[in-house]
Amino acid sequence: MLTLTEIGCQGGGQGAREVQLRQKAMELSQELLILDSHQDLPYRLILQKGTKKQEDVSKRTEQGHFDYPRAREGGLDGVFLAAYVPARYEESGGAKALADEGIELIRWLAEKHPDKFLLVETAEQMGRGELDGRVRLGIGIENGTSLEGKLANLEYFYDKSVRYITLCHSKCNRICDSSFDDERRWGGLSEFGCEVVAGMNGLGMMIDVSHVSDEAFYQVLKLSTAPVVATHSSCRHFTPGWERNMDDEMIRSLAKKGGVIQIAFGSMFVNGEINRETIRHWDYVKQYIRENSLSEEQEQEFTRQYRRDNPIASATVSDVADHIDHVVKLAGIEHVGLGTDYDGVGNMPRGLEDVSGYPNLIYELLRRSYDREGIRKICGGNFLRVWKEVEKVGAKS
């Protein structure tokens, strides 16, 4: 665990108040439910498959953001692990099979290490407190490309314990347009996308609007009979013009629908200057690759080397807390939570480099005068409430 100075928190040195708040933060991290709605561990392990570098996350690992020992140090009780499907599978095919591989890896973790992990399928199971230190694993799918244009695959994945689907990723797909994609094929949702929204409502499956275009977001809100979630997004107020984050009106509208925005921790999500610098780096790399016709292997090596040669600063715990403050002021404390995107992005804030860092954020919230009940809601209570409401809508269908 980092010291207060290393974390970069504001508020002076380690006086008596700071020491008391640090101790209180550690206590709350172990007492309260901490539920993280989006981490990308499965794809991290899939990329290591068949290599000597494949890690055993039941033990402390040298790489990545998640393993069991660090999770327990940070007080993490539950996490939705995402079966991620890259956007290119929309064209290449094989999206459903890759989602299946991610799902089976999550299930395997629970079966292989029943003393450390427990697969859960309901909000009630996720919220229980008598699980002897096991980390509860929920399953999500990141990118509706995995449905391969077939509505029947919704029920197929639900039966495999999937409880949310992120409708798209970095490119438009058969469901909707993406915030990252200049092409706006559908002007929001496609006709199939409208059917997907209704189908997810009917199953009691949460609809994740992270990554979708603004137009698609508002169309989902209009069509859905249940609250929706943004499992890993932050506030566009701090990153003007970056559509991947949500603007103020979107956050208010999400809240009016009963939903929740789960703040992503990535430095480019929470700090405007870092966001702009990261985008400049992205643009340079894409232009270089295009102009030099690099192979996929050459692209990866060039990108890695460029990042090593051109490091970008990291955000701070305070930056993340600023986003929580902003949502609370806009929409109320009932509509914000934690969706870190660990193992999905590389540059994390100082003090939140991995899953051991949640107490550092709790400390910062305490320093800003959040009380125990407010922190309980942010750390997991709000997301559980929305999940339960989605389940109720499904049960009535």
Protein backbone atom coordinates (compact mmCIF):
# COMPACT_ATOMS: atom_id res chain seq x y z
CA MET A 1 0.00 0.00 0.00
CA LEU A 2 1.38 3.42 -0.94
CA THR A 3 1.95 6.20 1.55
CA LEU A 4 -0.17 9.35 1.42
CA THR A 5 2.73 11.29 -0.10
CA GLU A 6 3.26 8.68 -2.83
CA ILE A 7 -0.46 8.63 -3.61
CA GLY A 8 -0.45 12.35 -4.30
CA CYS A 9 -3.51 13.12 -2.18
CA GLN A 10 -4.10 16.72 -1.20
CA GLY A 11 -4.44 17.90 2.36
CA GLY A 12 -0.97 18.22 3.85
CA GLY A 13 1.27 15.76 5.63
CA GLN A 14 0.52 12.75 7.78
CA GLY A 15 -0.93 14.59 10.76
CA ALA A 16 -3.23 12.98 13.27
CA ARG A 17 -6.34 13.48 11.13
CA GLU A 18 -4.70 11.95 8.06
CA VAL A 19 -3.56 8.91 10.04
CA GLN A 20 -7.06 8.47 11.47
CA LEU A 21 -8.65 8.74 8.02
CA ARG A 22 -6.18 6.23 6.59
CA GLN A 23 -7.02 3.75 9.31
CA LYS A 24 -10.74 4.33 8.81
CA ALA A 25 -10.35 3.80 5.06
CA MET A 26 -8.62 0.46 5.64
CA GLU A 27 -11.39 -0.60 8.01
CA LEU A 28 -14.16 0.39 5.60
CA SER A 29 -12.46 -1.40 2.70
CA GLN A 30 -12.76 -4.65 4.65
CA GLU A 31 -16.21 -4.01 6.12
CA LEU A 32 -18.15 -2.67 3.12
CA LEU A 33 -19.02 -4.48 -0.08
CA ILE A 34 -16.62 -3.38 -2.82
CA LEU A 35 -18.07 -4.35 -6.19
CA ASP A 36 -16.16 -3.46 -9.35
CA SER A 37 -18.41 -3.66 -12.41
CA HIS A 38 -15.76 -4.06 -15.11
CA GLN A 39 -12.35 -5.73 -15.30
CA ASP A 40 -10.68 -7.37 -18.30
CA LEU A 41 -8.78 -10.25 -16.68
CA PRO A 42 -10.12 -12.93 -19.08
CA TYR A 43 -8.60 -11.34 -22.18
CA ARG A 44 -5.31 -10.76 -20.36
CA LEU A 45 -5.12 -14.51 -19.69
CA ILE A 46 -6.34 -15.48 -23.17
CA LEU A 47 -3.47 -13.50 -24.70
CA GLN A 48 -1.06 -15.46 -22.49
CA LYS A 49 -2.56 -18.82 -23.44
CA GLY A 50 0.00 -21.40 -24.53
CA THR A 51 2.95 -19.30 -23.36
CA LYS A 52 5.27 -19.58 -20.40
CA LYS A 53 3.96 -16.19 -19.26
CA GLN A 54 0.44 -17.44 -18.46
CA GLU A 55 -0.25 -16.41 -14.88
CA ASP A 56 -1.95 -18.09 -11.93
CA VAL A 57 -4.10 -15.31 -10.50
CA SER A 58 -4.94 -17.34 -7.41
CA LYS A 59 -1.42 -16.24 -6.36
CA ARG A 60 0.34 -12.88 -6.46
CA THR A 61 1.39 -12.08 -10.02
CA GLU A 62 4.11 -9.76 -11.30
CA GLN A 63 2.01 -8.37 -14.15
CA GLY A 64 -1.53 -7.14 -14.64
CA HIS A 65 -3.90 -5.41 -12.27
CA PHE A 66 -5.76 -8.34 -10.68
CA ASP A 67 -4.88 -11.36 -8.62
CA TYR A 68 -6.47 -12.87 -5.51
CA PRO A 69 -3.96 -11.67 -2.88
CA ARG A 70 -4.04 -8.07 -4.10
CA ALA A 71 -7.85 -8.19 -4.40
CA ARG A 72 -8.20 -9.17 -0.77
CA GLU A 73 -5.65 -6.56 0.33
CA GLY A 74 -7.82 -3.95 -1.36
CA GLY A 75 -11.05 -5.32 0.07
CA LEU A 76 -12.50 -6.33 -3.30
CA ASP A 77 -15.50 -8.58 -2.65
CA GLY A 78 -17.05 -8.89 -6.10
CA VAL A 79 -16.11 -8.14 -9.68
CA PHE A 80 -17.69 -8.47 -13.08
CA LEU A 81 -15.11 -10.01 -15.36
CA ALA A 82 -15.66 -9.16 -19.01
CA ALA A 83 -15.46 -11.69 -21.83
CA TYR A 84 -14.01 -9.16 -24.27
CA VAL A 85 -14.46 -9.45 -28.03
CA PRO A 86 -12.35 -7.03 -30.14
CA ALA A 87 -14.21 -5.02 -32.78
CA ARG A 88 -12.39 -6.76 -35.66
CA TYR A 89 -14.42 -9.93 -34.99
CA GLU A 90 -17.44 -8.17 -36.48
CA GLU A 91 -15.83 -8.70 -39.88
CA SER A 92 -13.64 -11.76 -39.33
CA GLY A 93 -16.21 -13.94 -37.57
CA GLY A 94 -15.59 -16.08 -34.48
CA ALA A 95 -16.98 -13.55 -31.99
CA LYS A 96 -19.31 -15.97 -30.22
CA ALA A 97 -16.53 -18.54 -29.87
CA LEU A 98 -14.17 -15.97 -28.33
CA ALA A 99 -16.86 -14.83 -25.88
CA ASP A 100 -17.38 -18.48 -24.96
CA GLU A 101 -13.66 -18.84 -24.32
CA GLY A 102 -13.69 -15.88 -21.94
CA ILE A 103 -16.79 -17.17 -20.16
CA GLU A 104 -15.32 -20.63 -19.71
CA LEU A 105 -12.12 -19.13 -18.32
CA ILE A 106 -14.12 -17.27 -15.66
CA ARG A 107 -16.07 -20.40 -14.79
CA TRP A 108 -12.79 -22.38 -14.66
CA LEU A 109 -11.32 -19.93 -12.14
CA ALA A 110 -14.22 -20.56 -9.78
CA GLU A 111 -14.05 -24.33 -10.27
CA LYS A 112 -10.26 -24.52 -9.99
CA HIS A 113 -10.02 -22.34 -6.88
CA PRO A 114 -13.30 -22.75 -4.94
CA ASP A 115 -11.63 -21.46 -1.77
CA LYS A 116 -10.79 -18.14 -3.47
CA PHE A 117 -13.45 -17.47 -6.13
CA LEU A 118 -17.20 -18.00 -6.37
CA LEU A 119 -19.28 -17.62 -9.53
CA VAL A 120 -22.52 -15.70 -8.92
CA GLU A 121 -25.57 -15.12 -11.10
CA THR A 122 -27.84 -12.87 -9.03
CA ALA A 123 -27.58 -9.59 -7.17
CA GLU A 124 -28.50 -11.39 -3.96
CA GLN A 125 -25.58 -13.78 -4.37
CA MET A 126 -23.20 -10.93 -5.14
CA GLY A 127 -24.33 -8.99 -2.08
CA ARG A 128 -23.98 -11.74 0.50
CA GLY A 129 -21.35 -11.19 3.15
CA GLU A 130 -20.72 -14.65 4.56
CA LEU A 131 -18.42 -16.03 1.87
CA ASP A 132 -15.19 -16.48 3.84
CA GLY A 133 -13.04 -14.12 1.87
CA ARG A 134 -13.88 -15.47 -1.57
CA VAL A 135 -14.05 -12.98 -4.43
CA ARG A 136 -17.42 -13.25 -6.14
CA LEU A 137 -17.23 -13.36 -9.94
CA GLY A 138 -20.00 -12.03 -12.18
CA ILE A 139 -19.79 -12.49 -15.94
CA GLY A 140 -20.27 -9.74 -18.51
CA ILE A 141 -19.58 -9.62 -22.24
CA GLU A 142 -17.84 -6.59 -23.69
CA ASN A 143 -19.13 -6.12 -27.24
CA GLY A 144 -22.48 -7.30 -28.57
CA THR A 145 -20.66 -8.48 -31.69
CA SER A 146 -20.62 -11.77 -29.75
CA LEU A 147 -24.33 -12.21 -30.58
CA GLU A 148 -23.40 -12.51 -34.27
CA GLY A 149 -26.69 -10.90 -35.25
CA LYS A 150 -28.82 -13.64 -33.66
CA LEU A 151 -31.32 -12.75 -30.97
CA ALA A 152 -31.34 -16.37 -29.75
CA ASN A 153 -27.76 -15.91 -28.55
CA LEU A 154 -29.01 -13.60 -25.79
CA GLU A 155 -30.66 -16.50 -24.02
CA TYR A 156 -27.69 -18.73 -24.87
CA PHE A 157 -25.34 -16.37 -23.03
CA TYR A 158 -27.80 -15.76 -20.18
CA ASP A 159 -27.89 -19.50 -19.59
CA LYS A 160 -24.09 -19.38 -19.36
CA SER A 161 -24.37 -16.88 -16.45
CA VAL A 162 -23.81 -13.67 -18.45
CA ARG A 163 -25.59 -10.83 -16.66
CA TYR A 164 -24.65 -7.82 -18.78
CA ILE A 165 -23.54 -7.08 -22.32
CA THR A 166 -21.69 -3.96 -23.43
CA LEU A 167 -23.54 -3.28 -26.67
CA CYS A 168 -20.47 -2.41 -28.77
CA HIS A 169 -16.78 -1.64 -28.50
CA SER A 170 -14.52 0.53 -30.67
CA LYS A 171 -16.42 0.09 -33.97
CA CYS A 172 -20.08 0.05 -34.92
CA ASN A 173 -21.60 -3.42 -35.09
CA ARG A 174 -24.94 -4.95 -35.96
CA ILE A 175 -26.45 -3.49 -32.78
CA CYS A 176 -25.38 0.15 -32.69
CA ASP A 177 -22.85 2.87 -33.42
CA SER A 178 -19.72 3.30 -31.31
CA SER A 179 -18.40 6.44 -29.63
CA PHE A 180 -14.94 5.62 -31.00
CA ASP A 181 -16.05 5.15 -34.62
CA ASP A 182 -16.41 8.01 -37.13
CA GLU A 183 -18.82 5.84 -39.15
CA ARG A 184 -22.39 6.23 -37.87
CA ARG A 185 -24.05 3.43 -39.78
CA TRP A 186 -27.31 3.40 -37.85
CA GLY A 187 -27.68 6.87 -36.39
CA GLY A 188 -27.75 5.15 -33.01
CA LEU A 189 -29.40 1.72 -32.71
CA SER A 190 -30.14 -0.62 -35.60
CA GLU A 191 -33.46 -2.45 -35.86
CA PHE A 192 -31.67 -5.51 -34.48
CA GLY A 193 -30.31 -3.33 -31.67
CA CYS A 194 -33.84 -2.37 -30.69
CA GLU A 195 -34.70 -6.06 -30.48
CA VAL A 196 -31.60 -6.68 -28.36
CA VAL A 197 -32.68 -4.01 -25.85
CA ALA A 198 -36.13 -5.59 -25.53
CA GLY A 199 -34.62 -9.06 -25.30
CA MET A 200 -32.22 -8.09 -22.53
CA ASN A 201 -35.05 -6.45 -20.58
CA GLY A 202 -37.07 -9.65 -20.90
CA LEU A 203 -34.23 -11.80 -19.56
CA GLY A 204 -33.33 -9.48 -16.70
CA MET A 205 -29.91 -8.86 -18.24
CA MET A 206 -28.28 -5.47 -17.64
CA ILE A 207 -27.69 -3.25 -20.68
CA ASP A 208 -24.26 -1.62 -20.63
CA VAL A 209 -24.06 1.68 -22.54
CA SER A 210 -20.33 2.24 -22.13
CA HIS A 211 -18.74 2.64 -25.60
CA VAL A 212 -21.99 3.45 -27.46
CA SER A 213 -22.52 6.69 -29.40
CA ASP A 214 -24.54 9.49 -27.82
CA GLU A 215 -27.43 8.81 -30.21
CA ALA A 216 -27.47 5.13 -29.31
CA PHE A 217 -27.37 6.01 -25.60
CA TYR A 218 -30.53 8.10 -25.76
CA GLN A 219 -32.34 5.53 -27.88
CA VAL A 220 -31.50 2.79 -25.37
CA LEU A 221 -32.86 4.95 -22.53
CA LYS A 222 -36.08 5.56 -24.45
CA LEU A 223 -36.64 1.89 -25.32
CA SER A 224 -35.51 0.13 -22.16
CA THR A 225 -38.11 -0.72 -19.54
CA ALA A 226 -35.34 -1.23 -16.96
CA PRO A 227 -32.56 1.03 -15.67
CA VAL A 228 -29.34 0.81 -17.68
CA VAL A 229 -25.71 0.89 -16.56
CA ALA A 230 -22.47 2.37 -17.81
CA THR A 231 -20.10 -0.23 -16.37
CA HIS A 232 -16.86 1.64 -17.12
CA SER A 233 -17.24 5.28 -18.12
CA SER A 234 -16.31 8.66 -16.65
CA CYS A 235 -17.38 12.31 -16.96
CA ARG A 236 -16.89 14.21 -20.24
CA HIS A 237 -16.87 17.42 -18.20
CA PHE A 238 -13.18 16.72 -17.52
CA THR A 239 -12.36 15.48 -21.06
CA PRO A 240 -14.25 17.89 -23.35
CA GLY A 241 -15.07 16.51 -26.79
CA TRP A 242 -14.20 12.90 -25.92
CA GLU A 243 -17.40 10.99 -26.63
CA ARG A 244 -16.25 7.84 -24.84
CA ASN A 245 -17.03 9.58 -21.55
CA MET A 246 -20.55 10.77 -20.68
CA ASP A 247 -21.62 14.42 -20.70
CA ASP A 248 -23.66 16.07 -17.96
CA GLU A 249 -27.04 15.68 -19.65
CA MET A 250 -26.39 12.00 -20.30
CA ILE A 251 -25.51 11.44 -16.64
CA ARG A 252 -28.69 13.22 -15.52
CA SER A 253 -30.77 11.20 -17.98
CA LEU A 254 -29.18 7.94 -16.86
CA ALA A 255 -30.04 8.81 -13.27
CA LYS A 256 -33.65 9.73 -14.10
CA LYS A 257 -33.96 6.24 -15.59
CA GLY A 258 -32.68 4.83 -12.28
CA GLY A 259 -29.29 3.82 -13.67
CA VAL A 260 -25.70 4.23 -12.54
CA ILE A 261 -22.39 5.37 -14.04
CA GLN A 262 -19.46 3.30 -12.83
CA ILE A 263 -16.34 5.47 -12.94
CA ALA A 264 -13.46 4.09 -15.02
CA PHE A 265 -10.05 4.73 -13.45
CA GLY A 266 -7.84 4.97 -16.55
CA SER A 267 -5.70 8.11 -16.48
CA MET A 268 -6.97 9.26 -19.88
CA PHE A 269 -10.56 8.86 -18.64
CA VAL A 270 -10.16 11.08 -15.58
CA ASN A 271 -7.56 13.73 -16.50
CA GLY A 272 -8.11 16.10 -19.43
CA GLU A 273 -4.45 16.89 -20.11
CA ILE A 274 -3.50 13.21 -20.09
CA ASN A 275 -6.48 12.48 -22.33
CA ARG A 276 -5.33 14.99 -24.93
CA GLU A 277 -1.74 13.75 -24.83
CA THR A 278 -2.83 10.12 -25.15
CA ILE A 279 -5.00 10.92 -28.18
CA ARG A 280 -2.06 12.72 -29.81
CA HIS A 281 0.03 9.58 -29.31
CA TRP A 282 -2.75 7.40 -30.74
CA ASP A 283 -3.05 9.61 -33.80
CA TYR A 284 0.70 9.54 -34.45
CA VAL A 285 0.90 5.77 -34.13
CA LYS A 286 -2.10 5.22 -36.45
CA GLN A 287 -0.64 7.58 -39.05
CA TYR A 288 2.79 5.92 -38.90
CA ILE A 289 1.26 2.45 -39.27
CA ARG A 290 -0.86 3.58 -42.20
CA GLU A 291 1.99 5.33 -44.02
CA ASN A 292 4.42 2.44 -43.55
CA SER A 293 2.01 -0.45 -44.25
CA LEU A 294 3.13 -2.38 -41.16
CA SER A 295 2.10 -5.97 -40.58
CA GLU A 296 0.06 -6.77 -37.45
CA GLU A 297 3.19 -8.02 -35.67
CA GLN A 298 5.14 -4.91 -36.72
CA GLU A 299 2.25 -2.70 -35.54
CA GLN A 300 2.33 -4.26 -32.10
CA GLU A 301 6.10 -3.94 -31.76
CA PHE A 302 6.13 -0.33 -32.99
CA THR A 303 3.32 0.60 -30.59
CA ARG A 304 5.08 -1.02 -27.64
CA GLN A 305 8.37 0.70 -28.47
CA TYR A 306 6.69 4.09 -28.98
CA ARG A 307 5.02 3.84 -25.59
CA ARG A 308 8.32 2.96 -23.94
CA ASP A 309 10.05 5.89 -25.61
CA ASN A 310 7.22 8.37 -24.97
CA PRO A 311 5.81 7.75 -21.49
CA ILE A 312 2.69 9.62 -20.39
CA ALA A 313 2.12 10.89 -16.86
CA SER A 314 -0.42 9.17 -14.61
CA ALA A 315 -3.48 10.71 -12.99
CA THR A 316 -4.07 10.73 -9.23
CA VAL A 317 -6.60 9.36 -6.78
CA SER A 318 -7.89 12.91 -6.48
CA ASP A 319 -8.73 12.96 -10.21
CA VAL A 320 -10.95 9.89 -9.78
CA ALA A 321 -12.66 11.38 -6.74
CA ASP A 322 -13.35 14.54 -8.75
CA HIS A 323 -15.47 12.46 -11.15
CA ILE A 324 -17.41 10.93 -8.27
CA ASP A 325 -18.01 14.41 -6.85
CA HIS A 326 -19.22 15.61 -10.23
CA VAL A 327 -21.80 12.83 -10.59
CA VAL A 328 -23.01 13.35 -7.02
CA LYS A 329 -23.57 17.06 -7.69
CA LEU A 330 -25.32 16.39 -11.01
CA ALA A 331 -27.49 13.40 -10.18
CA GLY A 332 -27.15 12.38 -6.54
CA ILE A 333 -25.02 9.89 -4.67
CA GLU A 334 -27.31 7.00 -5.66
CA HIS A 335 -26.08 7.02 -9.27
CA VAL A 336 -22.32 6.53 -9.18
CA GLY A 337 -20.05 3.54 -8.57
CA LEU A 338 -16.74 1.92 -9.47
CA GLY A 339 -15.98 0.29 -12.84
CA THR A 340 -12.21 0.49 -12.95
CA ASP A 341 -11.42 -1.17 -16.30
CA TYR A 342 -8.44 -2.89 -14.67
CA ASP A 343 -6.52 -5.03 -17.16
CA GLY A 344 -8.35 -3.16 -19.92
CA VAL A 345 -6.20 -0.02 -19.97
CA GLY A 346 -2.56 0.39 -19.07
CA ASN A 347 -2.08 3.81 -17.48
CA MET A 348 -3.79 3.84 -14.08
CA PRO A 349 -3.67 6.63 -11.48
CA ARG A 350 -0.98 6.71 -8.83
CA GLY A 351 -2.35 4.92 -5.79
CA LEU A 352 -4.85 2.98 -7.91
CA GLU A 353 -2.37 0.96 -9.97
CA ASP A 354 -4.12 -2.34 -9.19
CA VAL A 355 -6.90 -3.92 -7.13
CA SER A 356 -5.07 -3.34 -3.85
CA GLY A 357 -5.72 0.38 -4.17
CA TYR A 358 -9.43 0.77 -3.30
CA PRO A 359 -8.62 1.93 0.28
CA ASN A 360 -6.72 4.87 -1.20
CA LEU A 361 -9.87 6.06 -2.95
CA ILE A 362 -11.95 5.50 0.19
CA TYR A 363 -9.42 7.62 2.08
CA GLU A 364 -9.83 10.45 -0.44
CA LEU A 365 -13.63 10.22 -0.15
CA LEU A 366 -13.38 10.39 3.64
CA ARG A 367 -11.10 13.39 3.31
CA ARG A 368 -13.85 15.04 1.25
CA SER A 369 -16.39 14.38 4.05
CA TYR A 370 -18.25 11.43 2.52
CA ASP A 371 -19.82 9.35 5.29
CA ARG A 372 -19.98 5.58 5.66
CA GLU A 373 -23.40 5.29 4.02
CA GLY A 374 -22.35 7.34 1.01
CA ILE A 375 -19.18 5.30 0.58
CA ARG A 376 -21.22 2.09 0.87
CA LYS A 377 -23.41 3.21 -2.02
CA ILE A 378 -20.45 4.20 -4.19
CA CYS A 379 -18.43 1.06 -3.52
CA GLY A 380 -21.16 -1.35 -4.55
CA GLY A 381 -24.57 -0.59 -3.11
CA ASN A 382 -25.74 1.49 -6.07
CA PHE A 383 -24.81 -1.11 -8.66
CA LEU A 384 -26.51 -3.86 -6.66
CA ARG A 385 -29.68 -1.77 -6.43
CA VAL A 386 -29.81 -1.31 -10.20
CA TRP A 387 -29.08 -4.99 -10.84
CA LYS A 388 -31.97 -5.99 -8.55
CA GLU A 389 -34.33 -3.65 -10.41
CA VAL A 390 -33.27 -5.14 -13.75
CA GLU A 391 -33.94 -8.60 -12.35
CA LYS A 392 -37.44 -7.51 -11.27
CA VAL A 393 -38.23 -6.24 -14.78
CA GLY A 394 -37.08 -9.54 -16.23
CA ALA A 395 -39.16 -11.54 -13.76
CA LYS A 396 -42.31 -9.63 -14.84
CA SER A 397 -41.73 -10.28 -18.54
